[in-house]
Amino acid sequence: MPEAPTIDGANTTWLLVSTALVLLMTPGLALFYGGLNRSKGVLNMMMMSFSAIGLISILWWFYGFSVAFGADSHGLWGDPGAYLGTKTFLAETDLWGTTGIPIYVFMAFQMVFAVITVALISGAISDRAKFAGWLVFAFGWATLVYFPVAHWVWGGGFIGAKLHALDFAGGTAVHINAGAAALALALVLGKRLGWPREGMKPHNIPLVALGAGLLWFGWFGFNAGSELTVDSVAGLAFINTQLATAAAVLGWIVVEWIKGGKPTMVGASSGAIAGLVAITPACGFIAPWASVLLGIVAGIVCALAVGLKYKLGFDDSLDVVGVHFVGGWIGSLWLGLFATNSVNAAIGDVVGASDGLFYGGGATQLGRQALAGLVVTVWSFVIAWVLGFVIEKTIGFRVKTEAEVDGIDIAEHAESGYDLSTGGGSGGGGAFAMAGIGTPSNTAAEPAAPVSEKVAG
């Protein structure tokens, strides 16, 4: 008789730590997006991330985890009742597969993935989305798109089990998925007032850098934690994450240097995110040298891709499409070129995938990766567009003109990010300095604001 499964303390501890790291990424994203935003909408921007933590966590516990990881049905979704929130999993045998990890720990780890995927979308619609509309959209998109797509990719659905496409930690399921939805919402809500005629520069660059740093830190849990066990592949994912991100920072700032004459902190922060996005699907399947090359390519291509919105005329406020959608595609296709069983035997033994083109596998895996990305892109875009359109035509998704001009923070949340009152101050403009207002980098292209905006921040 085989021995009964027992809890593996090392694996469980690592996944608990990784879960906390990934959870930290969403507040980090709130800071990153908040700093990139204009001062009068910083809180609304951050609220969309924090609300995702609340809403998606409950949905995931109640039925999302079951849809994503329950017993497969037709390759499309899991059994909705498999891990329904009314059930309890505390027995010593309630473990996830052969990892020795309790089901609740794996559930929590995947929960924070769902949270940040939804939060990523919000960067495309800053300064113009009603908070109620955002909550309804987040509920619908998570239910109809993220939960099923997570099943397709990781839960035994057709992309992983039938198509044999690779995605170690979320290039397809997270970044391509969120990027496609972000593009759809940007089209439904339309352009911000004055865009692109009026410059809309980041209001607080230190916040951007802080948010990027927290995302970078948390991403090690995102990628290395996805191995689920403490082994050499987790170490590979860890070092690949660092190398690709570092290389992407250099790639992005070189593009800035050539195009604009000077590298910027916003550019370095954005380059880091581009590298993190691109390495996500590939971190456990490629050699470190290929990760460095991937980071350089992602930094360069994403730096150029963020300008597409001006040429194509869609207002993706904080470049979710240029960084997450494009970066996710780069990382996913990279697997078709550089994935190798020599660093992770699971590619062939478990997933049933092939080596990449440059490792003698031909173009088979490249085609699989492209098809998987295309399926997720189309599904996410269409559902997001329909949801956004229906919300706009019913309860309304875009705020009124007055709210957008005067400041969405006051209109939607009755508070502002910065107290700019003069009472009790020394007269030296300390509050303005803390807010990053009045410096050339933040006001050079900012449109003249009405009195109500100046008071509200």
Protein backbone atom coordinates (compact mmCIF):
# COMPACT_ATOMS: atom_id res chain seq x y z
CA MET A 1 0.00 0.00 0.00
CA PRO A 2 1.38 3.43 -0.90
CA GLU A 3 1.99 5.81 1.98
CA ALA A 4 -0.68 8.41 2.64
CA PRO A 5 0.32 11.88 1.39
CA THR A 6 1.73 14.21 4.02
CA ILE A 7 2.31 17.93 4.20
CA ASP A 8 5.68 19.02 2.81
CA GLY A 9 6.82 21.79 5.16
CA ALA A 10 9.40 23.29 2.80
CA ASN A 11 7.05 23.50 -0.18
CA THR A 12 4.21 24.84 1.94
CA THR A 13 6.39 27.47 3.57
CA TRP A 14 7.74 28.64 0.22
CA LEU A 15 4.26 28.92 -1.27
CA LEU A 16 2.96 30.84 1.75
CA VAL A 17 5.85 33.30 1.36
CA SER A 18 5.26 33.49 -2.39
CA THR A 19 1.58 34.19 -1.82
CA ALA A 20 2.42 37.12 0.45
CA LEU A 21 4.91 38.41 -2.14
CA VAL A 22 2.34 38.27 -4.92
CA LEU A 23 -0.29 39.97 -2.75
CA LEU A 24 2.18 42.81 -2.14
CA MET A 25 2.36 43.31 -5.91
CA THR A 26 -1.16 44.75 -6.10
CA PRO A 27 -0.49 47.61 -3.62
CA GLY A 28 2.78 48.03 -5.54
CA LEU A 29 0.78 48.28 -8.75
CA ALA A 30 -1.48 50.85 -7.08
CA LEU A 31 1.56 53.01 -6.28
CA PHE A 32 3.03 52.52 -9.76
CA TYR A 33 -0.21 53.42 -11.52
CA GLY A 34 -1.00 56.15 -8.99
CA GLY A 35 2.32 57.89 -9.59
CA LEU A 36 1.92 57.67 -13.36
CA ASN A 37 -1.53 59.23 -13.11
CA ARG A 38 -2.38 62.91 -12.76
CA SER A 39 -2.71 64.16 -9.18
CA LYS A 40 -6.46 64.76 -9.39
CA GLY A 41 -7.12 61.07 -10.13
CA VAL A 42 -4.47 59.29 -8.07
CA LEU A 43 -6.86 57.91 -5.46
CA ASN A 44 -9.38 56.64 -7.99
CA MET A 45 -6.54 54.89 -9.77
CA MET A 46 -5.32 53.28 -6.57
CA MET A 47 -8.85 52.39 -5.45
CA MET A 48 -9.34 50.26 -8.55
CA SER A 49 -6.39 48.10 -7.48
CA PHE A 50 -7.40 47.89 -3.83
CA SER A 51 -11.02 47.10 -4.70
CA ALA A 52 -9.79 44.22 -6.87
CA ILE A 53 -8.18 42.71 -3.78
CA GLY A 54 -11.54 42.78 -2.00
CA LEU A 55 -13.86 41.70 -4.79
CA ILE A 56 -11.77 39.07 -6.59
CA SER A 57 -10.61 37.40 -3.37
CA ILE A 58 -14.22 36.65 -2.42
CA LEU A 59 -15.20 35.52 -5.92
CA TRP A 60 -12.16 33.26 -6.11
CA TRP A 61 -12.95 31.60 -2.79
CA PHE A 62 -16.63 31.18 -3.62
CA TYR A 63 -16.46 29.74 -7.15
CA GLY A 64 -13.47 31.07 -9.12
CA PHE A 65 -10.99 28.48 -7.83
CA SER A 66 -13.45 25.71 -8.69
CA VAL A 67 -13.96 26.99 -12.24
CA ALA A 68 -10.22 27.33 -12.76
CA PHE A 69 -8.98 24.15 -11.05
CA GLY A 70 -11.96 21.86 -10.64
CA ALA A 71 -12.30 18.65 -12.66
CA ASP A 72 -12.17 19.50 -16.35
CA SER A 73 -15.35 19.71 -18.41
CA HIS A 74 -14.88 19.66 -22.21
CA GLY A 75 -11.55 21.48 -21.85
CA LEU A 76 -13.35 24.75 -21.12
CA TRP A 77 -14.00 25.03 -17.39
CA GLY A 78 -13.67 23.18 -14.12
CA ASP A 79 -16.45 21.77 -11.97
CA PRO A 80 -17.96 24.88 -10.27
CA GLY A 81 -18.81 22.84 -7.17
CA ALA A 82 -15.43 21.18 -6.70
CA TYR A 83 -14.07 23.67 -4.18
CA LEU A 84 -17.20 25.71 -3.51
CA GLY A 85 -16.73 28.23 -0.74
CA THR A 86 -19.11 26.34 1.55
CA LYS A 87 -16.75 23.31 1.68
CA THR A 88 -13.90 22.82 4.12
CA PHE A 89 -10.48 21.32 3.30
CA LEU A 90 -8.52 20.78 6.50
CA ALA A 91 -7.78 17.05 6.54
CA GLU A 92 -4.18 15.86 6.30
CA THR A 93 -5.04 14.36 2.91
CA ASP A 94 -6.46 17.60 1.51
CA LEU A 95 -3.28 18.34 -0.43
CA TRP A 96 -2.65 19.72 -3.91
CA GLY A 97 -1.48 16.91 -6.14
CA THR A 98 1.89 15.45 -5.16
CA THR A 99 3.38 18.72 -3.90
CA GLY A 100 2.52 18.19 -0.24
CA ILE A 101 0.88 21.64 -0.19
CA PRO A 102 -2.52 22.03 1.51
CA ILE A 103 -5.34 22.94 -0.85
CA TYR A 104 -6.01 26.20 1.00
CA VAL A 105 -2.42 27.34 0.44
CA PHE A 106 -2.58 26.66 -3.29
CA MET A 107 -6.00 28.32 -3.40
CA ALA A 108 -4.57 31.45 -1.77
CA PHE A 109 -1.58 31.51 -4.12
CA GLN A 110 -3.76 31.38 -7.21
CA MET A 111 -6.18 33.88 -5.63
CA VAL A 112 -3.60 36.67 -5.63
CA PHE A 113 -2.83 35.94 -9.29
CA ALA A 114 -6.49 36.52 -10.11
CA VAL A 115 -6.47 39.74 -8.09
CA ILE A 116 -3.56 41.40 -9.85
CA THR A 117 -4.68 40.29 -13.31
CA VAL A 118 -7.92 42.22 -12.89
CA ALA A 119 -6.12 45.21 -11.34
CA LEU A 120 -3.73 45.44 -14.31
CA ILE A 121 -6.60 46.37 -16.65
CA SER A 122 -7.43 49.54 -14.73
CA GLY A 123 -4.35 51.41 -15.94
CA ALA A 124 -5.85 51.77 -19.41
CA ILE A 125 -8.91 53.73 -18.23
CA SER A 126 -7.54 56.13 -15.64
CA ASP A 127 -9.14 59.55 -15.06
CA ARG A 128 -12.46 58.70 -16.70
CA ALA A 129 -14.09 55.55 -15.28
CA LYS A 130 -16.88 55.43 -12.73
CA PHE A 131 -15.91 53.35 -9.75
CA ALA A 132 -19.26 51.50 -9.76
CA GLY A 133 -18.80 50.69 -13.43
CA TRP A 134 -15.32 49.37 -12.71
CA LEU A 135 -16.61 47.04 -9.98
CA VAL A 136 -19.31 45.62 -12.24
CA PHE A 137 -16.78 45.12 -15.01
CA ALA A 138 -14.27 43.45 -12.67
CA PHE A 139 -16.97 41.03 -11.49
CA GLY A 140 -18.06 40.14 -15.02
CA TRP A 141 -14.59 39.89 -16.56
CA ALA A 142 -13.17 37.75 -13.77
CA THR A 143 -16.14 35.38 -14.01
CA LEU A 144 -16.34 35.11 -17.79
CA VAL A 145 -12.70 35.51 -18.74
CA TYR A 146 -10.04 35.08 -16.09
CA PHE A 147 -11.46 32.06 -14.26
CA PRO A 148 -12.06 30.04 -17.48
CA VAL A 149 -8.75 31.14 -19.06
CA ALA A 150 -6.85 30.08 -15.95
CA HIS A 151 -8.47 26.68 -16.41
CA TRP A 152 -7.56 26.58 -20.11
CA VAL A 153 -3.92 27.27 -19.35
CA TRP A 154 -3.22 25.66 -15.95
CA GLY A 155 -6.26 23.73 -14.78
CA GLY A 156 -6.43 20.93 -17.34
CA GLY A 157 -8.18 22.92 -20.07
CA PHE A 158 -7.54 22.75 -23.79
CA ILE A 159 -4.64 25.23 -24.05
CA GLY A 160 -2.40 23.35 -21.64
CA ALA A 161 -3.65 19.78 -21.96
CA LYS A 162 -4.62 19.63 -25.65
CA LEU A 163 -2.68 22.36 -27.41
CA HIS A 164 0.41 21.89 -25.16
CA ALA A 165 1.22 25.58 -25.06
CA LEU A 166 3.62 26.63 -22.31
CA ASP A 167 3.00 29.33 -19.71
CA PHE A 168 5.05 28.97 -16.54
CA ALA A 169 3.58 31.84 -14.51
CA GLY A 170 1.10 33.87 -16.57
CA GLY A 171 2.26 35.41 -19.85
CA THR A 172 -0.89 34.22 -21.59
CA ALA A 173 -3.27 33.80 -18.67
CA VAL A 174 -2.32 37.08 -17.00
CA HIS A 175 -0.61 39.61 -19.26
CA ILE A 176 -1.97 38.92 -22.75
CA ASN A 177 -5.35 38.37 -21.10
CA ALA A 178 -5.34 41.67 -19.18
CA GLY A 179 -3.76 43.61 -22.05
CA ALA A 180 -6.46 42.58 -24.52
CA ALA A 181 -9.17 43.61 -22.05
CA ALA A 182 -7.41 46.92 -21.42
CA LEU A 183 -7.43 47.71 -25.14
CA ALA A 184 -11.14 46.91 -25.37
CA LEU A 185 -12.03 49.17 -22.44
CA ALA A 186 -9.88 52.01 -23.76
CA LEU A 187 -11.86 51.86 -27.01
CA VAL A 188 -15.24 51.67 -25.27
CA LEU A 189 -14.58 54.57 -22.89
CA GLY A 190 -12.84 56.72 -25.47
CA LYS A 191 -10.09 59.27 -25.04
CA ARG A 192 -9.54 61.48 -22.01
CA LEU A 193 -10.51 65.10 -22.51
CA GLY A 194 -7.63 66.88 -24.18
CA TRP A 195 -5.70 63.73 -25.11
CA PRO A 196 -3.32 63.67 -26.96
CA ARG A 197 -3.23 67.42 -27.55
CA GLU A 198 -2.51 68.14 -23.90
CA GLY A 199 0.35 66.37 -22.19
CA MET A 200 -0.65 64.25 -19.20
CA LYS A 201 2.60 63.55 -17.42
CA PRO A 202 3.10 61.46 -14.26
CA HIS A 203 2.42 63.56 -11.19
CA ASN A 204 4.74 61.75 -8.76
CA ILE A 205 7.75 59.92 -10.18
CA PRO A 206 9.08 58.69 -6.79
CA LEU A 207 5.77 56.84 -6.36
CA VAL A 208 6.31 55.25 -9.77
CA ALA A 209 9.77 54.04 -8.76
CA LEU A 210 8.52 52.77 -5.39
CA GLY A 211 5.69 50.86 -7.04
CA ALA A 212 8.02 49.36 -9.64
CA GLY A 213 10.39 48.27 -6.87
CA LEU A 214 7.62 46.53 -4.94
CA LEU A 215 6.44 44.83 -8.11
CA TRP A 216 9.97 43.64 -8.86
CA PHE A 217 10.33 42.30 -5.31
CA GLY A 218 6.97 40.55 -5.35
CA TRP A 219 7.52 39.07 -8.79
CA PHE A 220 9.98 36.52 -7.40
CA GLY A 221 7.04 34.94 -5.61
CA PHE A 222 4.98 35.24 -8.78
CA ASN A 223 7.51 33.38 -10.93
CA ALA A 224 9.61 31.16 -8.66
CA GLY A 225 6.55 30.33 -6.57
CA SER A 226 4.80 28.96 -9.63
CA GLU A 227 7.06 25.90 -9.55
CA LEU A 228 5.14 24.97 -6.33
CA THR A 229 8.12 23.03 -5.02
CA VAL A 230 11.52 23.98 -3.65
CA ASP A 231 13.84 22.66 -6.34
CA SER A 232 16.29 23.65 -9.07
CA VAL A 233 13.56 24.86 -11.42
CA ALA A 234 12.37 27.32 -8.78
CA GLY A 235 15.95 28.57 -8.62
CA LEU A 236 16.06 28.82 -12.41
CA ALA A 237 12.85 30.86 -12.45
CA PHE A 238 14.27 33.12 -9.74
CA ILE A 239 17.55 33.94 -11.51
CA ASN A 240 15.85 34.26 -14.90
CA THR A 241 13.42 36.79 -13.42
CA GLN A 242 16.26 38.94 -12.16
CA LEU A 243 18.36 38.73 -15.33
CA ALA A 244 15.55 39.48 -17.76
CA THR A 245 14.30 42.42 -15.70
CA ALA A 246 17.76 43.93 -15.36
CA ALA A 247 18.36 43.59 -19.09
CA ALA A 248 14.98 45.15 -19.91
CA VAL A 249 15.80 48.22 -17.81
CA LEU A 250 18.92 48.73 -19.91
CA GLY A 251 17.08 48.09 -23.17
CA TRP A 252 14.35 50.64 -22.39
CA ILE A 253 16.66 53.44 -21.27
CA VAL A 254 18.89 52.98 -24.32
CA VAL A 255 15.84 53.56 -26.52
CA GLU A 256 15.03 56.69 -24.50
CA TRP A 257 18.60 57.89 -24.74
CA ILE A 258 18.62 57.50 -28.52
CA LYS A 259 15.16 58.97 -29.13
CA GLY A 260 15.02 61.71 -26.52
CA GLY A 261 18.59 62.36 -25.56
CA LYS A 262 18.13 61.45 -21.89
CA PRO A 263 17.17 58.36 -19.88
CA THR A 264 14.34 58.79 -17.35
CA MET A 265 13.27 57.25 -14.07
CA VAL A 266 9.84 56.55 -15.51
CA GLY A 267 11.52 54.78 -18.40
CA ALA A 268 13.72 52.67 -16.15
CA SER A 269 10.68 51.72 -14.04
CA SER A 270 8.64 50.87 -17.11
CA GLY A 271 11.52 48.85 -18.53
CA ALA A 272 11.62 46.80 -15.34
CA ILE A 273 7.92 46.02 -15.65
CA ALA A 274 8.35 45.09 -19.32
CA GLY A 275 11.10 42.65 -18.43
CA LEU A 276 9.07 41.13 -15.60
CA VAL A 277 6.10 40.68 -17.90
CA ALA A 278 8.11 39.07 -20.68
CA ILE A 279 9.98 36.60 -18.47
CA THR A 280 6.81 35.48 -16.68
CA PRO A 281 5.74 32.73 -19.13
CA ALA A 282 9.30 31.66 -19.88
CA CYS A 283 11.15 31.83 -16.54
CA GLY A 284 11.06 28.10 -15.79
CA PHE A 285 11.59 26.88 -19.34
CA ILE A 286 14.62 28.75 -20.75
CA ALA A 287 18.31 29.06 -19.95
CA PRO A 288 19.65 32.21 -18.25
CA TRP A 289 21.43 33.47 -21.36
CA ALA A 290 18.13 33.39 -23.24
CA SER A 291 16.54 35.36 -20.39
CA VAL A 292 19.08 38.16 -20.79
CA LEU A 293 18.37 38.31 -24.50
CA LEU A 294 14.63 38.24 -23.83
CA GLY A 295 14.93 41.16 -21.41
CA ILE A 296 16.84 43.28 -23.91
CA VAL A 297 14.31 42.59 -26.66
CA ALA A 298 11.34 43.24 -24.36
CA GLY A 299 12.80 46.52 -23.09
CA ILE A 300 13.43 47.79 -26.60
CA VAL A 301 10.20 46.59 -28.21
CA CYS A 302 7.92 47.69 -25.37
CA ALA A 303 9.59 51.12 -25.25
CA LEU A 304 8.73 51.51 -28.91
CA ALA A 305 5.28 49.92 -28.58
CA VAL A 306 3.97 52.48 -26.08
CA GLY A 307 3.99 55.03 -28.90
CA LEU A 308 1.54 53.01 -30.98
CA LYS A 309 -1.42 54.52 -29.14
CA TYR A 310 -0.63 57.91 -30.64
CA LYS A 311 -0.39 56.49 -34.14
CA LEU A 312 -3.49 54.30 -33.83
CA GLY A 313 -5.53 56.79 -31.78
CA PHE A 314 -6.54 54.81 -28.68
CA ASP A 315 -6.01 56.27 -25.23
CA ASP A 316 -4.39 53.57 -23.14
CA SER A 317 -3.65 55.92 -20.27
CA LEU A 318 -0.82 54.09 -18.51
CA ASP A 319 0.41 51.87 -21.35
CA VAL A 320 -1.09 48.56 -20.30
CA VAL A 321 -1.24 47.49 -23.94
CA GLY A 322 2.28 48.59 -24.80
CA VAL A 323 3.84 46.88 -21.77
CA HIS A 324 1.63 43.98 -20.65
CA PHE A 325 -0.02 42.93 -23.91
CA VAL A 326 3.09 43.34 -26.06
CA GLY A 327 5.43 42.05 -23.34
CA GLY A 328 3.20 39.04 -22.72
CA TRP A 329 3.25 38.19 -26.41
CA ILE A 330 7.03 38.52 -26.59
CA GLY A 331 7.55 36.19 -23.64
CA SER A 332 5.04 33.65 -24.88
CA LEU A 333 6.51 33.48 -28.38
CA TRP A 334 10.01 33.34 -26.91
CA LEU A 335 9.15 29.89 -25.61
CA GLY A 336 8.62 28.74 -29.18
CA LEU A 337 12.19 29.78 -29.88
CA PHE A 338 14.18 28.99 -26.73
CA ALA A 339 12.26 26.52 -24.51
CA THR A 340 14.41 23.50 -23.73
CA ASN A 341 13.98 20.22 -21.89
CA SER A 342 17.60 20.53 -20.82
CA VAL A 343 16.63 23.02 -18.09
CA ASN A 344 13.19 21.62 -17.30
CA ALA A 345 12.26 18.08 -18.23
CA ALA A 346 8.61 18.84 -17.46
CA ILE A 347 8.34 20.50 -20.87
CA GLY A 348 8.15 17.10 -22.49
CA ASP A 349 7.45 14.71 -19.63
CA VAL A 350 4.55 16.59 -18.02
CA VAL A 351 3.30 19.27 -20.38
CA GLY A 352 3.86 17.37 -23.61
CA ALA A 353 5.40 20.39 -25.29
CA SER A 354 8.37 20.53 -27.65
CA ASP A 355 11.75 22.18 -27.53
CA GLY A 356 11.94 25.59 -29.14
CA LEU A 357 13.08 26.32 -32.67
CA PHE A 358 16.69 27.06 -31.69
CA TYR A 359 16.91 23.83 -29.69
CA GLY A 360 15.97 21.58 -32.59
CA GLY A 361 12.25 21.42 -31.99
CA GLY A 362 11.23 23.12 -35.23
CA ALA A 363 8.36 25.58 -35.40
CA THR A 364 5.81 23.33 -33.67
CA GLN A 365 5.98 24.97 -30.27
CA LEU A 366 6.11 28.44 -31.78
CA GLY A 367 2.82 27.74 -33.53
CA ARG A 368 1.27 26.45 -30.32
CA GLN A 369 2.32 29.56 -28.44
CA ALA A 370 0.93 31.84 -31.15
CA LEU A 371 -2.39 30.02 -31.27
CA ALA A 372 -2.77 30.09 -27.49
CA GLY A 373 -2.07 33.83 -27.39
CA LEU A 374 -4.50 34.47 -30.23
CA VAL A 375 -7.33 32.51 -28.59
CA VAL A 376 -6.93 34.35 -25.29
CA THR A 377 -6.59 37.72 -27.03
CA VAL A 378 -9.81 37.32 -28.99
CA TRP A 379 -11.83 35.92 -26.06
CA SER A 380 -10.68 38.54 -23.58
CA PHE A 381 -11.07 41.46 -26.02
CA VAL A 382 -14.57 40.50 -27.15
CA ILE A 383 -15.95 39.82 -23.66
CA ALA A 384 -14.33 42.97 -22.24
CA TRP A 385 -15.71 45.10 -25.08
CA VAL A 386 -19.23 43.70 -24.65
CA LEU A 387 -19.13 44.14 -20.88
CA GLY A 388 -17.83 47.69 -21.18
CA PHE A 389 -20.43 48.60 -23.78
CA VAL A 390 -23.32 47.16 -21.75
CA ILE A 391 -22.16 48.89 -18.57
CA GLU A 392 -21.82 52.21 -20.38
CA LYS A 393 -25.31 51.94 -21.84
CA THR A 394 -26.94 50.95 -18.54
CA ILE A 395 -25.44 52.32 -15.33
CA GLY A 396 -22.79 54.34 -17.15
CA PHE A 397 -19.07 53.63 -17.21
CA ARG A 398 -17.53 57.00 -18.05
CA VAL A 399 -17.81 59.90 -15.62
CA LYS A 400 -19.41 63.17 -16.61
CA THR A 401 -17.32 65.89 -18.19
CA GLU A 402 -17.40 68.05 -15.08
CA ALA A 403 -16.04 65.24 -12.93
CA GLU A 404 -13.27 64.50 -15.39
CA VAL A 405 -12.22 68.15 -15.59
CA ASP A 406 -12.48 68.98 -11.89
CA GLY A 407 -11.02 65.73 -10.64
CA ILE A 408 -12.36 62.20 -10.49
CA ASP A 409 -11.12 61.69 -6.92
CA ILE A 410 -13.53 64.26 -5.51
CA ALA A 411 -16.40 63.21 -7.76
CA GLU A 412 -16.12 59.48 -7.08
CA HIS A 413 -14.60 59.26 -3.60
CA ALA A 414 -15.09 62.65 -1.90
CA GLU A 415 -11.40 62.91 -1.06
CA SER A 416 -8.16 63.99 -2.68
CA GLY A 417 -4.69 62.57 -2.74
CA TYR A 418 -3.02 65.66 -1.35
CA ASP A 419 -4.08 68.33 1.14
CA LEU A 420 -3.12 71.53 -0.61
CA SER A 421 -4.68 73.89 1.90
CA THR A 422 -2.47 76.71 3.16
CA GLY A 423 -3.74 76.62 6.73
CA GLY A 424 -1.07 75.75 9.27
CA GLY A 425 1.66 75.79 6.66
CA SER A 426 4.89 77.72 6.75
CA GLY A 427 4.20 79.41 3.45
CA GLY A 428 7.01 77.52 1.79
CA GLY A 429 4.78 75.34 -0.36
CA GLY A 430 5.69 72.15 1.47
CA ALA A 431 2.47 70.36 0.55
CA PHE A 432 2.96 71.24 -3.10
CA ALA A 433 6.52 69.98 -2.98
CA MET A 434 5.43 66.69 -1.42
CA ALA A 435 2.84 66.26 -4.14
CA GLY A 436 5.39 66.82 -6.87
CA ILE A 437 3.49 69.89 -8.10
CA GLY A 438 5.26 72.93 -9.38
CA THR A 439 8.33 71.14 -10.69
CA PRO A 440 9.13 71.31 -14.40
CA SER A 441 8.85 67.55 -14.90
CA ASN A 442 5.26 67.51 -13.67
CA THR A 443 3.82 70.76 -14.96
CA ALA A 444 5.41 71.36 -18.33
CA ALA A 445 2.61 69.73 -20.26
CA GLU A 446 -0.20 69.76 -17.69
CA PRO A 447 -3.26 71.67 -18.92
CA ALA A 448 -4.49 74.67 -16.97
CA ALA A 449 -6.84 73.46 -14.25
CA PRO A 450 -10.02 75.10 -12.94
CA VAL A 451 -10.10 76.39 -9.40
CA SER A 452 -11.91 73.28 -8.16
CA GLU A 453 -9.08 71.08 -9.41
CA LYS A 454 -6.43 73.25 -7.75
CA VAL A 455 -8.22 72.92 -4.45
CA ALA A 456 -8.83 69.18 -4.87
CA GLY A 457 -5.35 68.34 -6.09
